[in-house]
PDB file of N, CA and C in Angstrom:
ATOM      1  N   UNK A   1      -6.774 -11.836   2.023  1.00  0.00           N
ATOM      2  CA  UNK A   1      -6.235 -11.409   0.454  1.00  0.00           C
ATOM      3  C   UNK A   1      -6.087  -9.999   0.297  1.00  0.00           C
ATOM      4  N   UNK A   2      -5.201  -9.689  -0.412  1.00  0.00           N
ATOM      5  CA  UNK A   2      -4.939  -8.088  -0.941  1.00  0.00           C
ATOM      6  C   UNK A   2      -5.900  -8.164  -1.976  1.00  0.00           C
ATOM      7  N   UNK A   3      -6.384  -6.574  -2.244  1.00  0.00           N
ATOM      8  CA  UNK A   3      -7.611  -6.382  -3.131  1.00  0.00           C
ATOM      9  C   UNK A   3      -6.457  -5.617  -4.136  1.00  0.00           C
ATOM     10  N   UNK A   4      -6.856  -6.102  -5.361  1.00  0.00           N
ATOM     11  CA  UNK A   4      -6.142  -5.295  -6.546  1.00  0.00           C
ATOM     12  C   UNK A   4      -6.944  -4.030  -6.736  1.00  0.00           C
ATOM     13  N   UNK A   5      -6.266  -2.876  -6.964  1.00  0.00           N
ATOM     14  CA  UNK A   5      -6.977  -1.609  -7.349  1.00  0.00           C
ATOM     15  C   UNK A   5      -6.534  -1.070  -8.332  1.00  0.00           C
ATOM     16  N   UNK A   6      -7.814  -0.523  -9.056  1.00  0.00           N
ATOM     17  CA  UNK A   6      -7.361   0.158 -10.532  1.00  0.00           C
ATOM     18  C   UNK A   6      -7.666   1.752  -9.815  1.00  0.00           C
ATOM     19  N   UNK A   7      -7.351   2.692 -10.998  1.00  0.00           N
ATOM     20  CA  UNK A   7      -7.638   3.889 -10.669  1.00  0.00           C
ATOM     21  C   UNK A   7      -9.205   4.441  -9.964  1.00  0.00           C
ATOM     22  N   UNK A   8     -10.188   3.867 -10.203  1.00  0.00           N
ATOM     23  CA  UNK A   8     -11.512   4.191  -9.645  1.00  0.00           C
ATOM     24  C   UNK A   8     -11.415   3.824  -8.220  1.00  0.00           C
ATOM     25  N   UNK A   9     -10.897   2.524  -8.083  1.00  0.00           N
ATOM     26  CA  UNK A   9     -11.152   1.945  -6.748  1.00  0.00           C
ATOM     27  C   UNK A   9     -10.248   2.660  -5.923  1.00  0.00           C
ATOM     28  N   UNK A  10      -9.040   3.292  -6.311  1.00  0.00           N
ATOM     29  CA  UNK A  10      -7.989   4.014  -5.525  1.00  0.00           C
ATOM     30  C   UNK A  10      -8.645   5.146  -5.170  1.00  0.00           C
ATOM     31  N   UNK A  11      -9.078   5.905  -6.139  1.00  0.00           N
ATOM     32  CA  UNK A  11      -9.866   7.149  -5.632  1.00  0.00           C
ATOM     33  C   UNK A  11     -10.805   6.893  -4.576  1.00  0.00           C
ATOM     34  N   UNK A  12     -11.685   5.972  -4.552  1.00  0.00           N
ATOM     35  CA  UNK A  12     -12.794   5.827  -3.703  1.00  0.00           C
ATOM     36  C   UNK A  12     -12.212   5.428  -2.220  1.00  0.00           C
ATOM     37  N   UNK A  13     -11.072   4.430  -2.442  1.00  0.00           N
ATOM     38  CA  UNK A  13     -10.447   3.602  -1.151  1.00  0.00           C
ATOM     39  C   UNK A  13      -9.434   4.578  -0.283  1.00  0.00           C
ATOM     40  N   UNK A  14      -8.486   5.091  -1.171  1.00  0.00           N
ATOM     41  CA  UNK A  14      -7.311   5.527  -0.648  1.00  0.00           C
ATOM     42  C   UNK A  14      -7.331   7.067  -0.971  1.00  0.00           C
ATOM     43  N   UNK A  15      -7.277   7.615  -2.019  1.00  0.00           N
ATOM     44  CA  UNK A  15      -6.875   9.108  -1.783  1.00  0.00           C
ATOM     45  C   UNK A  15      -7.676   9.329  -3.464  1.00  0.00           C
ATOM     46  N   UNK A  16      -8.261  10.479  -3.255  1.00  0.00           N
ATOM     47  CA  UNK A  16      -9.075  10.718  -4.497  1.00  0.00           C
ATOM     48  C   UNK A  16      -8.373  12.300  -4.862  1.00  0.00           C
ATOM     49  N   UNK A  17      -7.004  12.249  -5.581  1.00  0.00           N
ATOM     50  CA  UNK A  17      -6.085  13.126  -5.842  1.00  0.00           C
ATOM     51  C   UNK A  17      -6.848  14.120  -6.891  1.00  0.00           C
ATOM     52  N   UNK A  18      -8.042  13.610  -7.599  1.00  0.00           N
ATOM     53  CA  UNK A  18      -8.418  14.394  -8.689  1.00  0.00           C
ATOM     54  C   UNK A  18      -9.300  15.463  -7.926  1.00  0.00           C
ATOM     55  N   UNK A  19      -9.692  15.436  -6.824  1.00  0.00           N
ATOM     56  CA  UNK A  19     -10.497  16.396  -6.040  1.00  0.00           C
ATOM     57  C   UNK A  19      -9.662  17.039  -4.917  1.00  0.00           C
ATOM     58  N   UNK A  20      -8.668  16.516  -4.427  1.00  0.00           N
ATOM     59  CA  UNK A  20      -8.105  16.862  -3.325  1.00  0.00           C
ATOM     60  C   UNK A  20      -6.499  17.441  -3.590  1.00  0.00           C
ATOM     61  N   UNK A  21      -6.169  18.229  -3.693  1.00  0.00           N
ATOM     62  CA  UNK A  21      -4.818  18.707  -3.750  1.00  0.00           C
ATOM     63  C   UNK A  21      -3.698  18.156  -2.295  1.00  0.00           C
ATOM     64  N   UNK A  22      -4.374  18.508  -1.400  1.00  0.00           N
ATOM     65  CA  UNK A  22      -3.486  17.990  -0.125  1.00  0.00           C
ATOM     66  C   UNK A  22      -3.929  16.455   0.223  1.00  0.00           C
ATOM     67  N   UNK A  23      -3.177  15.720   0.587  1.00  0.00           N
ATOM     68  CA  UNK A  23      -3.595  14.580   1.061  1.00  0.00           C
ATOM     69  C   UNK A  23      -4.367  14.370   2.006  1.00  0.00           C
ATOM     70  N   UNK A  24      -5.559  13.349   1.660  1.00  0.00           N
ATOM     71  CA  UNK A  24      -6.623  13.087   2.333  1.00  0.00           C
ATOM     72  C   UNK A  24      -7.300  11.809   2.321  1.00  0.00           C
ATOM     73  N   UNK A  25      -6.936  10.864   3.239  1.00  0.00           N
ATOM     74  CA  UNK A  25      -7.066   9.657   3.283  1.00  0.00           C
ATOM     75  C   UNK A  25      -8.562   9.033   3.205  1.00  0.00           C
ATOM     76  N   UNK A  26      -9.099   8.235   2.678  1.00  0.00           N
ATOM     77  CA  UNK A  26     -10.397   7.794   2.296  1.00  0.00           C
ATOM     78  C   UNK A  26     -10.904   6.820   3.014  1.00  0.00           C
ATOM     79  N   UNK A  27      -9.855   6.196   3.197  1.00  0.00           N
ATOM     80  CA  UNK A  27     -10.098   4.647   3.801  1.00  0.00           C
ATOM     81  C   UNK A  27     -10.909   4.305   5.205  1.00  0.00           C
ATOM     82  N   UNK A  28     -11.322   3.484   5.693  1.00  0.00           N
ATOM     83  CA  UNK A  28     -11.511   3.278   7.197  1.00  0.00           C
ATOM     84  C   UNK A  28     -10.732   2.441   7.880  1.00  0.00           C
ATOM     85  N   UNK A  29      -9.623   1.998   7.417  1.00  0.00           N
ATOM     86  CA  UNK A  29      -8.516   1.261   7.978  1.00  0.00           C
ATOM     87  C   UNK A  29      -7.371   1.924   7.173  1.00  0.00           C
ATOM     88  N   UNK A  30      -6.075   1.793   8.243  1.00  0.00           N
ATOM     89  CA  UNK A  30      -4.919   2.002   7.544  1.00  0.00           C
ATOM     90  C   UNK A  30      -4.767   0.928   6.503  1.00  0.00           C
ATOM     91  N   UNK A  31      -3.756   1.372   5.581  1.00  0.00           N
ATOM     92  CA  UNK A  31      -3.417   0.299   4.288  1.00  0.00           C
ATOM     93  C   UNK A  31      -1.984   0.317   4.196  1.00  0.00           C
ATOM     94  N   UNK A  32      -1.960  -0.749   3.307  1.00  0.00           N
ATOM     95  CA  UNK A  32      -0.525  -0.953   2.820  1.00  0.00           C
ATOM     96  C   UNK A  32      -0.730  -1.125   1.191  1.00  0.00           C
ATOM     97  N   UNK A  33       0.030  -0.438   0.273  1.00  0.00           N
ATOM     98  CA  UNK A  33      -0.219  -0.638  -0.909  1.00  0.00           C
ATOM     99  C   UNK A  33       1.165  -0.927  -1.410  1.00  0.00           C
ATOM    100  N   UNK A  34       1.020  -2.255  -2.293  1.00  0.00           N
ATOM    101  CA  UNK A  34       1.968  -2.875  -2.979  1.00  0.00           C
ATOM    102  C   UNK A  34       1.906  -2.431  -4.369  1.00  0.00           C
ATOM    103  N   UNK A  35       2.792  -1.607  -4.880  1.00  0.00           N
ATOM    104  CA  UNK A  35       3.096  -1.072  -6.335  1.00  0.00           C
ATOM    105  C   UNK A  35       3.896  -2.263  -7.182  1.00  0.00           C
ATOM    106  N   UNK A  36       3.468  -3.076  -7.733  1.00  0.00           N
ATOM    107  CA  UNK A  36       4.114  -4.233  -8.425  1.00  0.00           C
ATOM    108  C   UNK A  36       4.110  -4.624  -9.768  1.00  0.00           C
ATOM    109  N   UNK A  37       4.645  -5.275 -10.618  1.00  0.00           N
ATOM    110  CA  UNK A  37       4.304  -5.834 -11.810  1.00  0.00           C
ATOM    111  C   UNK A  37       4.422  -7.195 -12.010  1.00  0.00           C
ATOM    112  N   UNK A  38       3.689  -7.835 -12.995  1.00  0.00           N
ATOM    113  CA  UNK A  38       3.846  -9.538 -12.926  1.00  0.00           C
ATOM    114  C   UNK A  38       5.320 -10.155 -13.501  1.00  0.00           C
ATOM    115  N   UNK A  39       6.186  -9.270 -14.223  1.00  0.00           N
ATOM    116  CA  UNK A  39       7.215  -9.538 -14.718  1.00  0.00           C
ATOM    117  C   UNK A  39       8.310  -9.295 -13.502  1.00  0.00           C
ATOM    118  N   UNK A  40       8.268  -8.642 -12.482  1.00  0.00           N
ATOM    119  CA  UNK A  40       9.405  -8.390 -11.477  1.00  0.00           C
ATOM    120  C   UNK A  40       9.392  -9.601 -10.455  1.00  0.00           C
ATOM    121  N   UNK A  41      10.844  -9.930 -10.555  1.00  0.00           N
ATOM    122  CA  UNK A  41      11.160 -11.055  -9.592  1.00  0.00           C
ATOM    123  C   UNK A  41      10.711 -10.740  -8.035  1.00  0.00           C
ATOM    124  N   UNK A  42      11.369  -9.652  -7.788  1.00  0.00           N
ATOM    125  CA  UNK A  42      11.376  -9.464  -6.365  1.00  0.00           C
ATOM    126  C   UNK A  42       9.663  -8.895  -5.824  1.00  0.00           C
ATOM    127  N   UNK A  43       8.842  -8.450  -6.803  1.00  0.00           N
ATOM    128  CA  UNK A  43       7.455  -8.334  -6.455  1.00  0.00           C
ATOM    129  C   UNK A  43       6.836  -9.808  -6.172  1.00  0.00           C
ATOM    130  N   UNK A  44       7.187 -10.578  -6.884  1.00  0.00           N
ATOM    131  CA  UNK A  44       6.680 -12.107  -6.718  1.00  0.00           C
ATOM    132  C   UNK A  44       7.355 -12.734  -5.523  1.00  0.00           C
ATOM    133  N   UNK A  45       8.293 -12.545  -5.042  1.00  0.00           N
ATOM    134  CA  UNK A  45       8.759 -12.565  -3.609  1.00  0.00           C
ATOM    135  C   UNK A  45       8.112 -12.013  -2.551  1.00  0.00           C
ATOM    136  N   UNK A  46       7.544 -10.871  -2.806  1.00  0.00           N
ATOM    137  CA  UNK A  46       6.987 -10.058  -1.554  1.00  0.00           C
ATOM    138  C   UNK A  46       5.342 -10.595  -1.548  1.00  0.00           C
ATOM    139  N   UNK A  47       4.956 -10.882  -3.031  1.00  0.00           N
ATOM    140  CA  UNK A  47       3.382 -11.401  -2.670  1.00  0.00           C
ATOM    141  C   UNK A  47       3.096 -12.303  -1.852  1.00  0.00           C
ATOM    142  N   UNK A  48       3.710 -13.192  -1.676  1.00  0.00           N
ATOM    143  CA  UNK A  48       3.318 -14.330  -0.376  1.00  0.00           C
ATOM    144  C   UNK A  48       3.305 -13.765   1.251  1.00  0.00           C
ATOM    145  N   UNK A  49       4.141 -12.612   1.386  1.00  0.00           N
ATOM    146  CA  UNK A  49       4.367 -11.945   2.668  1.00  0.00           C
ATOM    147  C   UNK A  49       3.128 -10.932   2.719  1.00  0.00           C
ATOM    148  N   UNK A  50       2.713 -10.596   1.566  1.00  0.00           N
ATOM    149  CA  UNK A  50       1.752  -9.698   1.887  1.00  0.00           C
ATOM    150  C   UNK A  50       0.353 -10.550   1.956  1.00  0.00           C
ATOM    151  N   UNK A  51       0.256 -11.387   1.428  1.00  0.00           N
ATOM    152  CA  UNK A  51      -0.793 -12.423   1.540  1.00  0.00           C
ATOM    153  C   UNK A  51      -0.842 -12.728   3.173  1.00  0.00           C
ATOM    154  N   UNK A  52       0.329 -13.131   3.576  1.00  0.00           N
ATOM    155  CA  UNK A  52       0.250 -13.760   5.082  1.00  0.00           C
ATOM    156  C   UNK A  52       0.113 -12.722   5.792  1.00  0.00           C
ATOM    157  N   UNK A  53       0.401 -11.194   5.735  1.00  0.00           N
ATOM    158  CA  UNK A  53      -0.076 -10.052   6.515  1.00  0.00           C
ATOM    159  C   UNK A  53      -1.529  -9.794   6.591  1.00  0.00           C
ATOM    160  N   UNK A  54      -1.815  -9.857   5.232  1.00  0.00           N
ATOM    161  CA  UNK A  54      -3.263  -9.588   5.155  1.00  0.00           C
ATOM    162  C   UNK A  54      -4.078 -10.474   5.939  1.00  0.00           C
ATOM    163  N   UNK A  55      -3.848 -11.724   5.833  1.00  0.00           N
ATOM    164  CA  UNK A  55      -4.626 -12.480   6.819  1.00  0.00           C
ATOM    165  C   UNK A  55      -4.477 -12.227   8.528  1.00  0.00           C
ATOM    166  N   UNK A  56      -3.268 -11.869   8.811  1.00  0.00           N
ATOM    167  CA  UNK A  56      -2.719 -11.637  10.192  1.00  0.00           C
ATOM    168  C   UNK A  56      -3.280 -10.533  10.388  1.00  0.00           C
ATOM    169  N   UNK A  57      -3.600  -9.272   9.669  1.00  0.00           N
ATOM    170  CA  UNK A  57      -3.875  -7.961  10.098  1.00  0.00           C
ATOM    171  C   UNK A  57      -5.257  -7.746   9.920  1.00  0.00           C
ATOM    172  N   UNK A  58      -6.165  -8.783   9.233  1.00  0.00           N
ATOM    173  CA  UNK A  58      -7.470  -8.662   8.718  1.00  0.00           C
ATOM    174  C   UNK A  58      -8.470  -7.759  10.010  1.00  0.00           C
ATOM    175  N   UNK A  59      -8.989  -7.004   9.305  1.00  0.00           N
ATOM    176  CA  UNK A  59     -10.164  -6.158  10.295  1.00  0.00           C
ATOM    177  C   UNK A  59      -9.387  -5.132  11.002  1.00  0.00           C
ATOM    178  N   UNK A  60      -7.750  -5.133  10.639  1.00  0.00           N
ATOM    179  CA  UNK A  60      -6.975  -4.094  11.331  1.00  0.00           C
ATOM    180  C   UNK A  60      -6.225  -3.248  10.256  1.00  0.00           C
ATOM    181  N   UNK A  61      -5.814  -3.687   9.010  1.00  0.00           N
ATOM    182  CA  UNK A  61      -5.065  -3.145   8.147  1.00  0.00           C
ATOM    183  C   UNK A  61      -5.808  -3.509   6.802  1.00  0.00           C
ATOM    184  N   UNK A  62      -5.810  -2.886   5.664  1.00  0.00           N
ATOM    185  CA  UNK A  62      -6.305  -3.029   4.458  1.00  0.00           C
ATOM    186  C   UNK A  62      -5.026  -3.476   3.813  1.00  0.00           C
ATOM    187  N   UNK A  63      -4.737  -4.406   2.899  1.00  0.00           N
ATOM    188  CA  UNK A  63      -3.858  -4.614   1.938  1.00  0.00           C
ATOM    189  C   UNK A  63      -4.382  -4.367   0.527  1.00  0.00           C
ATOM    190  N   UNK A  64      -3.583  -3.629  -0.269  1.00  0.00           N
ATOM    191  CA  UNK A  64      -3.981  -3.592  -1.715  1.00  0.00           C
ATOM    192  C   UNK A  64      -2.795  -3.796  -2.653  1.00  0.00           C
ATOM    193  N   UNK A  65      -3.169  -3.959  -3.746  1.00  0.00           N
ATOM    194  CA  UNK A  65      -1.891  -4.269  -4.602  1.00  0.00           C
ATOM    195  C   UNK A  65      -2.464  -3.303  -6.074  1.00  0.00           C
ATOM    196  N   UNK A  66      -1.388  -2.578  -6.403  1.00  0.00           N
ATOM    197  CA  UNK A  66      -1.465  -2.097  -7.743  1.00  0.00           C
ATOM    198  C   UNK A  66      -0.362  -2.476  -8.903  1.00  0.00           C
ATOM    199  N   UNK A  67      -0.929  -2.726 -10.036  1.00  0.00           N
ATOM    200  CA  UNK A  67      -0.260  -3.245 -10.946  1.00  0.00           C
ATOM    201  C   UNK A  67       0.334  -2.141 -11.731  1.00  0.00           C
ATOM    202  N   UNK A  68       1.545  -1.975 -11.663  1.00  0.00           N
ATOM    203  CA  UNK A  68       2.012  -0.544 -12.236  1.00  0.00           C
ATOM    204  C   UNK A  68       2.097  -0.570 -13.990  1.00  0.00           C
ATOM    205  N   UNK A  69       1.886  -2.237 -14.464  1.00  0.00           N
ATOM    206  CA  UNK A  69       1.734  -1.837 -15.938  1.00  0.00           C
ATOM    207  C   UNK A  69       0.238  -1.642 -16.481  1.00  0.00           C
ATOM    208  N   UNK A  70      -0.508  -1.974 -15.546  1.00  0.00           N
ATOM    209  CA  UNK A  70      -1.960  -1.834 -15.824  1.00  0.00           C
ATOM    210  C   UNK A  70      -2.498  -0.223 -15.680  1.00  0.00           C
ATOM    211  N   UNK A  71      -1.869   0.437 -14.225  1.00  0.00           N
ATOM    212  CA  UNK A  71      -2.108   1.682 -13.573  1.00  0.00           C
ATOM    213  C   UNK A  71      -1.019   2.536 -13.606  1.00  0.00           C
ATOM    214  N   UNK A  72      -0.545   2.933 -15.038  1.00  0.00           N
ATOM    215  CA  UNK A  72       0.642   3.716 -15.159  1.00  0.00           C
ATOM    216  C   UNK A  72       0.425   5.270 -14.545  1.00  0.00           C
ATOM    217  N   UNK A  73      -1.113   5.522 -14.547  1.00  0.00           N
ATOM    218  CA  UNK A  73      -1.357   6.858 -14.137  1.00  0.00           C
ATOM    219  C   UNK A  73      -0.811   6.914 -12.521  1.00  0.00           C
ATOM    220  N   UNK A  74      -1.537   5.812 -11.822  1.00  0.00           N
ATOM    221  CA  UNK A  74      -1.054   5.830 -10.226  1.00  0.00           C
ATOM    222  C   UNK A  74       0.163   5.682 -10.031  1.00  0.00           C
ATOM    223  N   UNK A  75       0.839   4.867 -10.607  1.00  0.00           N
ATOM    224  CA  UNK A  75       2.420   4.750 -10.621  1.00  0.00           C
ATOM    225  C   UNK A  75       3.003   6.104 -10.560  1.00  0.00           C
ATOM    226  N   UNK A  76       2.386   6.862 -11.441  1.00  0.00           N
ATOM    227  CA  UNK A  76       3.227   8.135 -11.682  1.00  0.00           C
ATOM    228  C   UNK A  76       2.663   8.917 -10.851  1.00  0.00           C
ATOM    229  N   UNK A  77       1.461   9.089 -10.187  1.00  0.00           N
ATOM    230  CA  UNK A  77       0.747   9.871  -9.189  1.00  0.00           C
ATOM    231  C   UNK A  77       1.823  10.062  -7.802  1.00  0.00           C
ATOM    232  N   UNK A  78       2.338   8.686  -7.550  1.00  0.00           N
ATOM    233  CA  UNK A  78       3.069   8.533  -6.574  1.00  0.00           C
ATOM    234  C   UNK A  78       4.599   8.772  -7.078  1.00  0.00           C
ATOM    235  N   UNK A  79       5.019   8.761  -8.322  1.00  0.00           N
ATOM    236  CA  UNK A  79       6.518   8.851  -8.522  1.00  0.00           C
ATOM    237  C   UNK A  79       7.316   7.586  -8.525  1.00  0.00           C
ATOM    238  N   UNK A  80       6.399   6.360  -8.569  1.00  0.00           N
ATOM    239  CA  UNK A  80       6.960   5.045  -8.480  1.00  0.00           C
ATOM    240  C   UNK A  80       8.153   5.023  -9.534  1.00  0.00           C
ATOM    241  N   UNK A  81       9.170   4.773  -9.541  1.00  0.00           N
ATOM    242  CA  UNK A  81      10.341   4.668 -10.248  1.00  0.00           C
ATOM    243  C   UNK A  81      11.144   3.066 -10.269  1.00  0.00           C
ATOM    244  N   UNK A  82      10.917   2.357  -9.366  1.00  0.00           N
ATOM    245  CA  UNK A  82      11.338   1.218  -9.024  1.00  0.00           C
ATOM    246  C   UNK A  82      10.221   0.418  -8.145  1.00  0.00           C
ATOM    247  N   UNK A  83      10.241  -0.965  -8.607  1.00  0.00           N
ATOM    248  CA  UNK A  83       9.078  -1.876  -7.996  1.00  0.00           C
ATOM    249  C   UNK A  83       9.958  -3.326  -7.280  1.00  0.00           C
ATOM    250  N   UNK A  84       9.385  -3.976  -6.267  1.00  0.00           N
ATOM    251  CA  UNK A  84       8.253  -3.087  -5.481  1.00  0.00           C
ATOM    252  C   UNK A  84       8.607  -2.085  -4.855  1.00  0.00           C
ATOM    253  N   UNK A  85       7.344  -1.438  -4.785  1.00  0.00           N
ATOM    254  CA  UNK A  85       7.219  -0.145  -3.673  1.00  0.00           C
ATOM    255  C   UNK A  85       6.178  -0.458  -2.756  1.00  0.00           C
ATOM    256  N   UNK A  86       6.329  -0.148  -1.786  1.00  0.00           N
ATOM    257  CA  UNK A  86       5.164  -0.161  -0.582  1.00  0.00           C
ATOM    258  C   UNK A  86       4.967   1.013  -0.004  1.00  0.00           C
ATOM    259  N   UNK A  87       3.620   1.391  -0.137  1.00  0.00           N
ATOM    260  CA  UNK A  87       3.093   2.692   0.438  1.00  0.00           C
ATOM    261  C   UNK A  87       2.528   2.275   1.733  1.00  0.00           C
ATOM    262  N   UNK A  88       2.720   2.672   3.052  1.00  0.00           N
ATOM    263  CA  UNK A  88       2.288   2.491   4.094  1.00  0.00           C
ATOM    264  C   UNK A  88       1.214   4.036   4.266  1.00  0.00           C
ATOM    265  N   UNK A  89       0.144   3.532   4.632  1.00  0.00           N
ATOM    266  CA  UNK A  89      -0.825   4.745   4.964  1.00  0.00           C
ATOM    267  C   UNK A  89      -1.506   4.684   6.061  1.00  0.00           C
ATOM    268  N   UNK A  90      -1.216   5.705   6.889  1.00  0.00           N
ATOM    269  CA  UNK A  90      -1.976   5.676   8.328  1.00  0.00           C
ATOM    270  C   UNK A  90      -3.571   6.504   8.184  1.00  0.00           C
ATOM    271  N   UNK A  91      -4.152   6.422   9.386  1.00  0.00           N
ATOM    272  CA  UNK A  91      -5.427   6.941   9.162  1.00  0.00           C
ATOM    273  C   UNK A  91      -5.157   8.507   9.008  1.00  0.00           C
ATOM    274  N   UNK A  92      -4.377   8.938   9.973  1.00  0.00           N
ATOM    275  CA  UNK A  92      -3.895  10.120   9.874  1.00  0.00           C
ATOM    276  C   UNK A  92      -2.486  10.832   9.440  1.00  0.00           C
ATOM    277  N   UNK A  93      -1.927  11.615   8.990  1.00  0.00           N
ATOM    278  CA  UNK A  93      -0.773  11.941   8.629  1.00  0.00           C
ATOM    279  C   UNK A  93      -0.396  11.465   7.373  1.00  0.00           C
ATOM    280  N   UNK A  94       1.156  11.567   6.912  1.00  0.00           N
ATOM    281  CA  UNK A  94       1.275  11.275   5.768  1.00  0.00           C
ATOM    282  C   UNK A  94       1.602  10.135   5.690  1.00  0.00           C
ATOM    283  N   UNK A  95       1.365   9.427   4.154  1.00  0.00           N
ATOM    284  CA  UNK A  95       1.822   8.073   4.072  1.00  0.00           C
ATOM    285  C   UNK A  95       3.555   8.030   3.908  1.00  0.00           C
ATOM    286  N   UNK A  96       3.934   6.985   3.940  1.00  0.00           N
ATOM    287  CA  UNK A  96       5.546   6.798   3.965  1.00  0.00           C
ATOM    288  C   UNK A  96       5.852   5.732   2.775  1.00  0.00           C
ATOM    289  N   UNK A  97       6.892   5.858   2.105  1.00  0.00           N
ATOM    290  CA  UNK A  97       7.171   4.814   0.988  1.00  0.00           C
ATOM    291  C   UNK A  97       8.251   4.174   1.290  1.00  0.00           C
ATOM    292  N   UNK A  98       8.072   2.979   1.055  1.00  0.00           N
ATOM    293  CA  UNK A  98       9.315   1.918   1.225  1.00  0.00           C
ATOM    294  C   UNK A  98       9.762   1.249  -0.022  1.00  0.00           C
ATOM    295  N   UNK A  99      10.695   1.375  -0.638  1.00  0.00           N
ATOM    296  CA  UNK A  99      11.255   0.547  -1.891  1.00  0.00           C
ATOM    297  C   UNK A  99      11.957  -0.541  -1.708  1.00  0.00           C
ATOM    298  N   UNK A 100      11.859  -1.519  -2.636  1.00  0.00           N
ATOM    299  CA  UNK A 100      12.448  -2.814  -2.465  1.00  0.00           C
ATOM    300  C   UNK A 100      11.419  -3.949  -1.982  1.00  0.00           C
ATOM    301  N   UNK A 101      11.936  -5.338  -1.760  1.00  0.00           N
ATOM    302  CA  UNK A 101      11.593  -6.340  -1.234  1.00  0.00           C
ATOM    303  C   UNK A 101      11.728  -6.428   0.135  1.00  0.00           C
ATOM    304  N   UNK A 102      11.030  -5.801   0.995  1.00  0.00           N
ATOM    305  CA  UNK A 102      11.216  -6.008   2.512  1.00  0.00           C
ATOM    306  C   UNK A 102      10.902  -7.501   2.909  1.00  0.00           C
ATOM    307  N   UNK A 103      11.985  -7.687   3.744  1.00  0.00           N
ATOM    308  CA  UNK A 103      11.340  -9.191   4.312  1.00  0.00           C
ATOM    309  C   UNK A 103      10.208  -8.946   5.379  1.00  0.00           C
ATOM    310  N   UNK A 104       9.887 -10.209   5.753  1.00  0.00           N
ATOM    311  CA  UNK A 104       8.609 -10.142   6.650  1.00  0.00           C
ATOM    312  C   UNK A 104       8.750  -9.357   7.799  1.00  0.00           C
ATOM    313  N   UNK A 105       9.577  -9.429   8.661  1.00  0.00           N
ATOM    314  CA  UNK A 105      10.052  -8.875   9.999  1.00  0.00           C
ATOM    315  C   UNK A 105       9.840  -7.492   9.711  1.00  0.00           C
ATOM    316  N   UNK A 106      10.369  -6.919   8.643  1.00  0.00           N
ATOM    317  CA  UNK A 106      10.663  -5.479   8.304  1.00  0.00           C
ATOM    318  C   UNK A 106       9.260  -4.897   8.132  1.00  0.00           C
ATOM    319  N   UNK A 107       8.625  -5.399   7.292  1.00  0.00           N
ATOM    320  CA  UNK A 107       7.166  -5.039   6.759  1.00  0.00           C
ATOM    321  C   UNK A 107       6.408  -5.034   7.811  1.00  0.00           C
ATOM    322  N   UNK A 108       6.345  -6.078   8.875  1.00  0.00           N
ATOM    323  CA  UNK A 108       5.517  -6.163  10.161  1.00  0.00           C
ATOM    324  C   UNK A 108       5.789  -5.115  10.847  1.00  0.00           C
ATOM    325  N   UNK A 109       7.142  -4.868  10.977  1.00  0.00           N
ATOM    326  CA  UNK A 109       7.303  -3.840  12.120  1.00  0.00           C
ATOM    327  C   UNK A 109       6.947  -2.186  11.394  1.00  0.00           C
ATOM    328  N   UNK A 110       7.096  -2.112  10.093  1.00  0.00           N
ATOM    329  CA  UNK A 110       6.477  -1.008   9.455  1.00  0.00           C
ATOM    330  C   UNK A 110       5.103  -0.732   9.830  1.00  0.00           C
ATOM    331  N   UNK A 111       4.204  -1.862   9.745  1.00  0.00           N
ATOM    332  CA  UNK A 111       2.790  -2.048   9.926  1.00  0.00           C
ATOM    333  C   UNK A 111       2.624  -1.610  11.474  1.00  0.00           C
ATOM    334  N   UNK A 112       3.465  -2.219  12.339  1.00  0.00           N
ATOM    335  CA  UNK A 112       2.922  -2.007  13.811  1.00  0.00           C
ATOM    336  C   UNK A 112       3.517  -0.674  14.166  1.00  0.00           C
ATOM    337  N   UNK A 113       4.409  -0.040  13.590  1.00  0.00           N
ATOM    338  CA  UNK A 113       4.870   1.179  14.103  1.00  0.00           C
ATOM    339  C   UNK A 113       4.406   2.218  13.381  1.00  0.00           C
ATOM    340  N   UNK A 114       3.962   2.187  11.998  1.00  0.00           N
ATOM    341  CA  UNK A 114       3.576   3.119  11.230  1.00  0.00           C
ATOM    342  C   UNK A 114       2.156   3.454  11.199  1.00  0.00           C
ATOM    343  N   UNK A 115       1.422   2.276  11.246  1.00  0.00           N
ATOM    344  CA  UNK A 115       0.003   2.111  11.000  1.00  0.00           C
ATOM    345  C   UNK A 115      -0.794   1.901  12.429  1.00  0.00           C
ATOM    346  N   UNK A 116      -0.462   1.001  13.093  1.00  0.00           N
ATOM    347  CA  UNK A 116      -1.090   0.559  14.197  1.00  0.00           C
ATOM    348  C   UNK A 116      -0.452   1.302  15.681  1.00  0.00           C
ATOM    349  N   UNK A 117       0.381   1.829  15.818  1.00  0.00           N
ATOM    350  CA  UNK A 117       0.899   2.937  16.508  1.00  0.00           C
ATOM    351  C   UNK A 117      -0.076   4.071  16.923  1.00  0.00           C
ATOM    352  N   UNK A 118      -0.448   4.343  15.696  1.00  0.00           N
ATOM    353  CA  UNK A 118      -1.175   5.685  15.670  1.00  0.00           C
ATOM    354  C   UNK A 118      -2.616   5.454  16.104  1.00  0.00           C
ATOM    355  N   UNK A 119      -2.878   4.246  15.927  1.00  0.00           N
ATOM    356  CA  UNK A 119      -4.583   4.153  15.972  1.00  0.00           C
ATOM    357  C   UNK A 119      -4.662   3.589  17.682  1.00  0.00           C
ATOM    358  N   UNK A 120      -3.686   3.231  18.156  1.00  0.00           N
ATOM    359  CA  UNK A 120      -3.690   2.740  19.915  1.00  0.00           C
ATOM    360  C   UNK A 120      -3.369   4.117  20.776  1.00  0.00           C
ATOM    361  N   UNK A 121      -2.824   5.204  20.169  1.00  0.00           N
ATOM    362  CA  UNK A 121      -2.446   6.173  20.942  1.00  0.00           C
ATOM    363  C   UNK A 121      -3.714   7.047  21.412  1.00  0.00           C
TER     364      UNK A 121
END
């Protein structure tokens, strides 16, 4: 199951932007962050895909959800203008953002290429 993050858990598990100006990933596994809101239809369409992938990649990739209505500061920190937005965060290097409701195969491809390919190199 994806974990819901608030500002405090985000600072601990992903990126402490209050202490670091440069990107420094705090996690122990690569992760996918789903920026969403309860009123957003495409977000609700993506939710079951995120749940399926979180089970499929358990122990390899963490999946997080950030409710942009409740965590406006986090949404602002990443310049979220439309939702759903998915942030793919590798162990090393810069995270990559994908905007819109990605189908499962596209999301899976991004996880494999952006997150897991760097782990196995």
